[in-house]
Amino acid sequence: MRLGPLLGFENSFETVVSVAQEMESVGAASVMLAEAGRSAVTQAAAVIAATDEIEVGTYVVNAFARSPWLTGLTARDLDEMSGGRFVLGVGTGNVHFNDWYMGIDSSKPLAAMRDFVQIVREVVAAPAGSRVTYNGPVYEMGKWRATYAPLRSSVPVYLSASGPQMMRLAAEVSDGIGVGIMASVEFMRDIVRPNAVASAEAVGREGSELRFPMGALVSVNQDSEAARDAARASICGLFHPVPHPYYDSQMRQQGFSEAANMLSELMPEGRTSEAKQLLPEEIVDSLTISGTPSECSRRIAQYEGVADQVVMMRVAQRNEPVGVAAYEPILELVSEVNSR
């Protein structure tokens, strides 16, 4: 199983870079950068400059915050900087944040994302001297000519998807379906993979060539119950100050509509303690990777064959140290998984 952290929530660039270096030293497969409090692109450049072999990617950049042309150029540059270690994860972003921060209505993203990903893939693969022309219902592009050869024939592009329509689109136009945190083994095995493969093959693509990276809430603590309690708090946080539409949808698709309704009611009012008490244990068991390092290692093993990569979003623990030291349990987990 390919394993690595999702960074981007740390207090300093020094911590981001230092954690990435530590991950490389223990044999993690990748370091992915989130676009949250920091730019995923800037973080990726910093990590690329500080590492030698580990795969570096964005998970994910917000397509509505940038043009597809510039995103393609950025991916070409980062791939060259890294010596061919870069992967581009792209998504729609949070519909609420797009509205609040940028005044953008992203509530109907399918056509935009189809155009966006197709332009990006053409730009990253364009040989020196070739032109890229594209005419879509949302984005158009003309007259651009690649001035130099890309390092590789293409850069992997993953499209973040949760709902069935976006998953279908990801299978049709991208290199992989970037699944967000809170996906059970059954969700990946019975819904994501078979539907994506069928959608790819329906448009003449090889379904076997699709990749399936999966985000995961990973709560590691030598005290198993403390890890689970931290995971409960993290799940509740996804519904504050308003429910995150991606995770709300993903919960409901996996049969937890009652819990999603409860969280949608309590968390906007700040009733975290009550929400944690009412959260079903089955959600922690099946939608997170929580417990001691050994318990988490066994949970990760359950995803063998259904996810190609686990992108670990670290869950903060009560009274944990600051900086790189907070990642010691995750580093231990990576070492344990690699030793299996």
Protein backbone atom coordinates (compact mmCIF):
# COMPACT_ATOMS: atom_id res chain seq x y z
CA MET A 1 0.00 0.00 0.00
CA ARG A 2 1.34 3.43 -0.95
CA LEU A 3 1.16 5.66 2.09
CA GLY A 4 1.91 9.29 2.84
CA PRO A 5 0.67 12.38 4.67
CA LEU A 6 -1.62 15.19 3.64
CA LEU A 7 0.12 18.37 4.79
CA GLY A 8 -1.01 21.96 4.65
CA PHE A 9 -2.49 22.56 8.08
CA GLU A 10 0.78 23.24 9.90
CA ASN A 11 1.72 26.52 11.54
CA SER A 12 4.91 27.07 9.57
CA PHE A 13 6.58 26.24 6.28
CA GLU A 14 9.49 24.89 8.29
CA THR A 15 7.21 22.25 9.79
CA VAL A 16 5.73 21.33 6.39
CA VAL A 17 9.18 20.87 4.88
CA SER A 18 10.65 19.08 7.90
CA VAL A 19 7.76 16.62 8.09
CA ALA A 20 8.14 15.92 4.36
CA GLN A 21 11.82 15.19 4.84
CA GLU A 22 11.09 12.87 7.76
CA MET A 23 8.45 11.08 5.69
CA GLU A 24 10.95 10.52 2.91
CA SER A 25 13.48 9.14 5.40
CA VAL A 26 11.04 6.49 6.73
CA GLY A 27 9.96 5.39 3.27
CA ALA A 28 6.61 7.11 2.75
CA ALA A 29 5.48 6.92 -0.87
CA SER A 30 4.21 10.48 -1.20
CA VAL A 31 3.65 13.86 0.37
CA MET A 32 0.42 15.55 -0.67
CA LEU A 33 -0.34 19.22 -0.02
CA ALA A 34 -3.78 20.57 0.77
CA GLU A 35 -5.07 23.97 -0.24
CA ALA A 36 -6.40 25.16 3.09
CA GLY A 37 -4.55 27.79 5.12
CA ARG A 38 -1.74 27.81 2.56
CA SER A 39 -1.38 27.53 -1.20
CA ALA A 40 -0.93 23.90 -2.20
CA VAL A 41 1.27 24.96 -5.11
CA THR A 42 3.67 27.00 -2.98
CA GLN A 43 3.95 24.20 -0.45
CA ALA A 44 4.59 21.66 -3.21
CA ALA A 45 7.45 23.77 -4.56
CA ALA A 46 8.99 24.01 -1.09
CA VAL A 47 8.72 20.27 -0.49
CA ILE A 48 10.11 19.46 -3.93
CA ALA A 49 13.14 21.64 -3.22
CA ALA A 50 13.76 19.90 0.11
CA THR A 51 13.36 16.25 -0.97
CA ASP A 52 14.99 13.92 -3.47
CA GLU A 53 12.85 10.89 -4.29
CA ILE A 54 9.41 11.04 -2.71
CA GLU A 55 6.36 11.76 -4.87
CA VAL A 56 4.93 15.23 -4.27
CA GLY A 57 1.43 16.30 -5.22
CA THR A 58 -1.48 18.61 -4.58
CA TYR A 59 -4.56 17.11 -2.93
CA VAL A 60 -6.19 19.23 -4.13
CA VAL A 61 -5.91 22.65 -5.79
CA ASN A 62 -9.15 24.58 -6.28
CA ALA A 63 -10.01 24.75 -9.97
CA PHE A 64 -12.30 27.73 -9.46
CA ALA A 65 -9.42 29.78 -8.02
CA ARG A 66 -7.20 29.55 -11.13
CA SER A 67 -7.33 29.14 -14.89
CA PRO A 68 -6.76 25.74 -16.52
CA TRP A 69 -3.93 27.17 -18.67
CA LEU A 70 -1.98 28.49 -15.68
CA THR A 71 -2.67 25.29 -13.76
CA GLY A 72 -1.19 23.30 -16.62
CA LEU A 73 1.91 25.52 -16.72
CA THR A 74 2.30 25.18 -12.96
CA ALA A 75 2.14 21.39 -13.20
CA ARG A 76 4.77 21.38 -15.98
CA ASP A 77 7.07 23.56 -13.89
CA LEU A 78 6.66 21.55 -10.69
CA ASP A 79 7.21 18.31 -12.58
CA GLU A 80 10.44 19.66 -14.04
CA MET A 81 11.56 21.01 -10.66
CA SER A 82 10.96 17.61 -9.07
CA GLY A 83 12.58 15.52 -11.78
CA GLY A 84 9.26 13.87 -12.64
CA ARG A 85 7.93 13.36 -9.09
CA PHE A 86 4.87 15.63 -9.26
CA VAL A 87 1.19 14.71 -9.48
CA LEU A 88 -1.64 17.22 -9.78
CA GLY A 89 -4.79 16.73 -7.75
CA VAL A 90 -7.55 19.18 -8.65
CA GLY A 91 -11.10 19.67 -7.44
CA THR A 92 -14.00 22.08 -7.18
CA GLY A 93 -13.22 23.26 -3.68
CA ASN A 94 -15.84 23.90 -1.03
CA VAL A 95 -18.87 25.57 -2.62
CA HIS A 96 -19.29 27.77 0.48
CA PHE A 97 -15.67 28.92 0.48
CA ASN A 98 -15.83 29.65 -3.24
CA ASP A 99 -18.79 31.92 -2.56
CA TRP A 100 -17.46 33.52 0.64
CA TYR A 101 -13.83 34.04 -0.41
CA MET A 102 -14.15 34.69 -4.14
CA GLY A 103 -17.81 35.43 -4.88
CA ILE A 104 -17.92 32.47 -7.28
CA ASP A 105 -20.95 30.26 -7.83
CA SER A 106 -19.55 26.73 -8.17
CA SER A 107 -22.79 24.90 -7.50
CA LYS A 108 -22.94 23.42 -11.03
CA PRO A 109 -19.36 22.31 -11.64
CA LEU A 110 -19.54 19.35 -14.04
CA ALA A 111 -19.14 21.17 -17.37
CA ALA A 112 -16.48 23.47 -15.92
CA MET A 113 -14.46 20.58 -14.52
CA ARG A 114 -14.64 18.62 -17.78
CA ASP A 115 -13.21 21.58 -19.68
CA PHE A 116 -10.69 22.34 -16.94
CA VAL A 117 -9.17 18.87 -16.71
CA GLN A 118 -9.05 18.38 -20.47
CA ILE A 119 -7.22 21.68 -21.00
CA VAL A 120 -4.78 20.93 -18.17
CA ARG A 121 -3.97 17.51 -19.59
CA GLU A 122 -3.35 18.98 -23.04
CA VAL A 123 -1.12 21.72 -21.65
CA VAL A 124 1.02 19.42 -19.48
CA ALA A 125 1.58 17.05 -22.39
CA ALA A 126 2.17 19.59 -25.18
CA PRO A 127 5.51 19.08 -26.98
CA ALA A 128 7.71 22.08 -27.69
CA GLY A 129 6.27 24.16 -30.52
CA SER A 130 2.83 22.60 -30.48
CA ARG A 131 -0.34 24.63 -30.03
CA VAL A 132 -3.24 23.88 -27.74
CA THR A 133 -6.71 24.83 -28.90
CA TYR A 134 -9.85 24.00 -26.97
CA ASN A 135 -13.46 25.10 -27.29
CA GLY A 136 -15.79 24.04 -24.52
CA PRO A 137 -19.04 25.28 -23.02
CA VAL A 138 -17.21 26.92 -20.09
CA TYR A 139 -13.53 27.33 -21.03
CA GLU A 140 -11.91 28.15 -24.34
CA MET A 141 -8.24 28.30 -25.21
CA GLY A 142 -6.42 29.31 -28.36
CA LYS A 143 -3.10 30.59 -29.71
CA TRP A 144 -0.98 29.17 -26.88
CA ARG A 145 2.15 27.39 -28.04
CA ALA A 146 4.43 25.35 -25.80
CA THR A 147 7.83 27.00 -25.73
CA TYR A 148 9.78 24.03 -24.36
CA ALA A 149 9.41 20.29 -24.02
CA PRO A 150 7.82 18.88 -20.87
CA LEU A 151 10.00 16.64 -18.74
CA ARG A 152 7.58 13.73 -19.17
CA SER A 153 5.03 12.87 -21.80
CA SER A 154 2.37 13.77 -19.25
CA VAL A 155 1.81 14.61 -15.58
CA PRO A 156 -0.77 12.51 -13.69
CA VAL A 157 -3.94 14.52 -13.05
CA TYR A 158 -6.38 13.33 -10.38
CA LEU A 159 -9.88 14.77 -10.14
CA SER A 160 -11.39 14.91 -6.66
CA ALA A 161 -14.85 13.34 -6.65
CA SER A 162 -17.48 12.16 -4.20
CA GLY A 163 -20.86 12.09 -5.93
CA PRO A 164 -21.61 9.65 -8.75
CA GLN A 165 -21.66 12.28 -11.52
CA MET A 166 -18.27 13.74 -10.63
CA MET A 167 -16.84 10.24 -10.22
CA ARG A 168 -18.08 9.38 -13.68
CA LEU A 169 -16.48 12.52 -15.08
CA ALA A 170 -13.19 11.80 -13.29
CA ALA A 171 -13.11 8.33 -14.83
CA GLU A 172 -13.77 9.76 -18.29
CA VAL A 173 -11.21 12.58 -18.36
CA SER A 174 -8.59 12.23 -15.60
CA ASP A 175 -5.89 9.79 -14.57
CA GLY A 176 -7.44 8.96 -11.23
CA ILE A 177 -10.35 9.51 -8.87
CA GLY A 178 -9.19 11.46 -5.83
CA VAL A 179 -11.49 10.24 -3.07
CA GLY A 180 -11.79 12.41 0.02
CA ILE A 181 -11.52 11.47 3.67
CA MET A 182 -14.22 9.24 5.19
CA ALA A 183 -14.47 6.41 2.68
CA SER A 184 -15.08 2.88 3.89
CA VAL A 185 -13.58 -0.23 2.37
CA GLU A 186 -17.04 -1.14 1.06
CA PHE A 187 -17.51 2.31 -0.51
CA MET A 188 -14.21 2.02 -2.37
CA ARG A 189 -14.71 -1.63 -3.34
CA ASP A 190 -18.39 -1.72 -4.24
CA ILE A 191 -19.10 1.80 -5.49
CA VAL A 192 -16.03 3.85 -6.41
CA ARG A 193 -13.88 1.33 -8.26
CA PRO A 194 -16.48 -0.61 -10.29
CA ASN A 195 -18.40 2.50 -11.30
CA ALA A 196 -15.24 4.34 -12.30
CA VAL A 197 -13.90 1.44 -14.33
CA ALA A 198 -17.24 1.05 -16.11
CA SER A 199 -17.39 4.79 -16.87
CA ALA A 200 -13.86 4.81 -18.27
CA GLU A 201 -14.50 1.80 -20.46
CA ALA A 202 -17.77 3.30 -21.71
CA VAL A 203 -15.77 6.08 -23.39
CA GLY A 204 -13.08 3.78 -24.73
CA ARG A 205 -10.51 4.16 -21.97
CA GLU A 206 -8.71 1.36 -20.16
CA GLY A 207 -10.31 1.13 -16.74
CA SER A 208 -7.29 -0.75 -15.41
CA GLU A 209 -5.14 2.36 -15.94
CA LEU A 210 -7.16 4.50 -13.52
CA ARG A 211 -5.60 5.25 -10.16
CA PHE A 212 -7.51 5.39 -6.89
CA PRO A 213 -5.83 7.58 -4.27
CA MET A 214 -7.93 7.90 -1.12
CA GLY A 215 -7.81 10.51 1.61
CA ALA A 216 -8.30 9.26 5.17
CA LEU A 217 -8.70 10.72 8.63
CA VAL A 218 -5.88 9.00 10.53
CA SER A 219 -5.93 9.29 14.30
CA VAL A 220 -2.96 7.58 15.95
CA ASN A 221 -2.34 7.40 19.68
CA GLN A 222 -0.84 4.83 22.02
CA ASP A 223 -4.17 5.17 23.85
CA SER A 224 -6.68 3.67 21.42
CA GLU A 225 -9.73 5.31 22.96
CA ALA A 226 -8.02 8.70 22.96
CA ALA A 227 -7.38 8.25 19.23
CA ARG A 228 -11.02 7.40 18.62
CA ASP A 229 -12.21 10.39 20.65
CA ALA A 230 -10.00 12.69 18.61
CA ALA A 231 -11.44 11.17 15.42
CA ARG A 232 -14.98 11.86 16.65
CA ALA A 233 -14.10 15.52 17.21
CA SER A 234 -12.52 15.75 13.75
CA ILE A 235 -15.61 14.29 12.06
CA CYS A 236 -17.83 16.74 13.92
CA GLY A 237 -15.58 19.58 12.80
CA LEU A 238 -16.42 18.85 9.17
CA PHE A 239 -19.91 20.15 9.88
CA HIS A 240 -18.86 23.45 11.50
CA PRO A 241 -19.56 26.32 10.91
CA VAL A 242 -21.67 24.82 8.12
CA PRO A 243 -21.76 21.24 6.83
CA HIS A 244 -19.04 20.58 4.26
CA PRO A 245 -21.06 19.49 1.21
CA TYR A 246 -18.47 16.94 0.08
CA TYR A 247 -18.34 15.04 3.37
CA ASP A 248 -22.04 15.44 4.07
CA SER A 249 -22.74 13.78 0.71
CA GLN A 250 -20.17 11.05 1.24
CA MET A 251 -21.64 10.16 4.64
CA ARG A 252 -25.12 9.89 3.17
CA GLN A 253 -23.95 7.74 0.27
CA GLN A 254 -22.56 5.25 2.78
CA GLY A 255 -25.80 4.92 4.73
CA PHE A 256 -25.23 7.44 7.51
CA SER A 257 -27.95 9.96 6.67
CA GLU A 258 -29.27 10.09 10.25
CA ALA A 259 -25.82 10.95 11.57
CA ALA A 260 -25.35 13.56 8.84
CA ASN A 261 -28.70 15.11 9.79
CA MET A 262 -27.68 15.17 13.44
CA LEU A 263 -24.32 16.78 12.73
CA SER A 264 -25.92 19.30 10.35
CA GLU A 265 -28.26 20.35 13.15
CA LEU A 266 -25.90 20.39 16.13
CA MET A 267 -22.53 21.50 14.80
CA PRO A 268 -23.54 24.86 13.27
CA GLU A 269 -24.79 25.66 16.79
CA GLY A 270 -21.46 24.65 18.30
CA ARG A 271 -22.87 21.67 20.23
CA THR A 272 -19.76 19.54 19.78
CA SER A 273 -19.93 17.53 23.01
CA GLU A 274 -23.48 16.47 22.27
CA ALA A 275 -22.65 15.61 18.66
CA LYS A 276 -19.65 13.49 19.71
CA GLN A 277 -21.81 11.50 22.11
CA LEU A 278 -24.44 10.82 19.44
CA LEU A 279 -21.98 9.93 16.68
CA PRO A 280 -22.29 6.19 15.93
CA GLU A 281 -19.22 4.11 16.70
CA GLU A 282 -19.63 2.48 13.30
CA ILE A 283 -18.64 5.76 11.64
CA VAL A 284 -15.35 5.87 13.54
CA ASP A 285 -14.80 2.16 12.82
CA SER A 286 -15.52 2.25 9.09
CA LEU A 287 -14.84 5.82 7.89
CA THR A 288 -11.62 6.59 9.77
CA ILE A 289 -8.32 4.90 10.55
CA SER A 290 -8.08 5.27 14.31
CA GLY A 291 -6.27 3.60 17.19
CA THR A 292 -2.75 2.58 18.15
CA PRO A 293 -0.10 2.33 15.42
CA SER A 294 -0.67 -1.44 15.20
CA GLU A 295 -4.45 -1.03 15.02
CA CYS A 296 -4.12 1.61 12.31
CA SER A 297 -1.71 -0.60 10.38
CA ARG A 298 -4.30 -3.39 10.36
CA ARG A 299 -6.99 -0.94 9.21
CA ILE A 300 -4.82 0.25 6.34
CA ALA A 301 -4.28 -3.36 5.28
CA GLN A 302 -8.05 -3.68 4.77
CA TYR A 303 -7.80 -1.22 1.87
CA GLU A 304 -5.30 -3.34 -0.08
CA GLY A 305 -6.66 -3.88 -3.56
CA VAL A 306 -9.40 -1.24 -3.30
CA ALA A 307 -7.32 1.93 -2.83
CA ASP A 308 -3.98 2.46 -4.55
CA GLN A 309 -2.76 5.03 -2.08
CA VAL A 310 -3.79 6.31 1.36
CA VAL A 311 -3.35 10.05 1.77
CA MET A 312 -3.32 10.48 5.54
CA MET A 313 -4.90 13.56 7.06
CA ARG A 314 -3.47 13.55 10.57
CA VAL A 315 -5.97 14.02 13.39
CA ALA A 316 -4.61 16.20 16.19
CA GLN A 317 -4.45 14.56 19.62
CA ARG A 318 -5.11 16.07 23.04
CA ASN A 319 -1.98 17.57 24.65
CA GLU A 320 0.20 16.59 21.69
CA PRO A 321 3.60 18.24 21.11
CA VAL A 322 3.96 20.95 18.50
CA GLY A 323 5.77 20.95 15.17
CA VAL A 324 7.38 17.87 13.70
CA ALA A 325 7.06 15.98 16.99
CA ALA A 326 3.28 15.84 16.52
CA TYR A 327 3.91 13.58 13.52
CA GLU A 328 5.91 10.95 15.41
CA PRO A 329 2.90 8.55 15.64
CA ILE A 330 2.30 8.91 11.87
CA LEU A 331 5.98 8.29 11.14
CA GLU A 332 5.80 5.19 13.34
CA LEU A 333 2.72 4.05 11.45
CA VAL A 334 4.45 4.46 8.07
CA SER A 335 7.40 2.42 9.31
CA GLU A 336 5.11 -0.32 10.63
CA VAL A 337 3.13 -0.54 7.38
CA ASN A 338 6.32 -0.66 5.32
CA SER A 339 7.69 -3.48 7.47
CA ARG A 340 4.73 -5.78 6.80
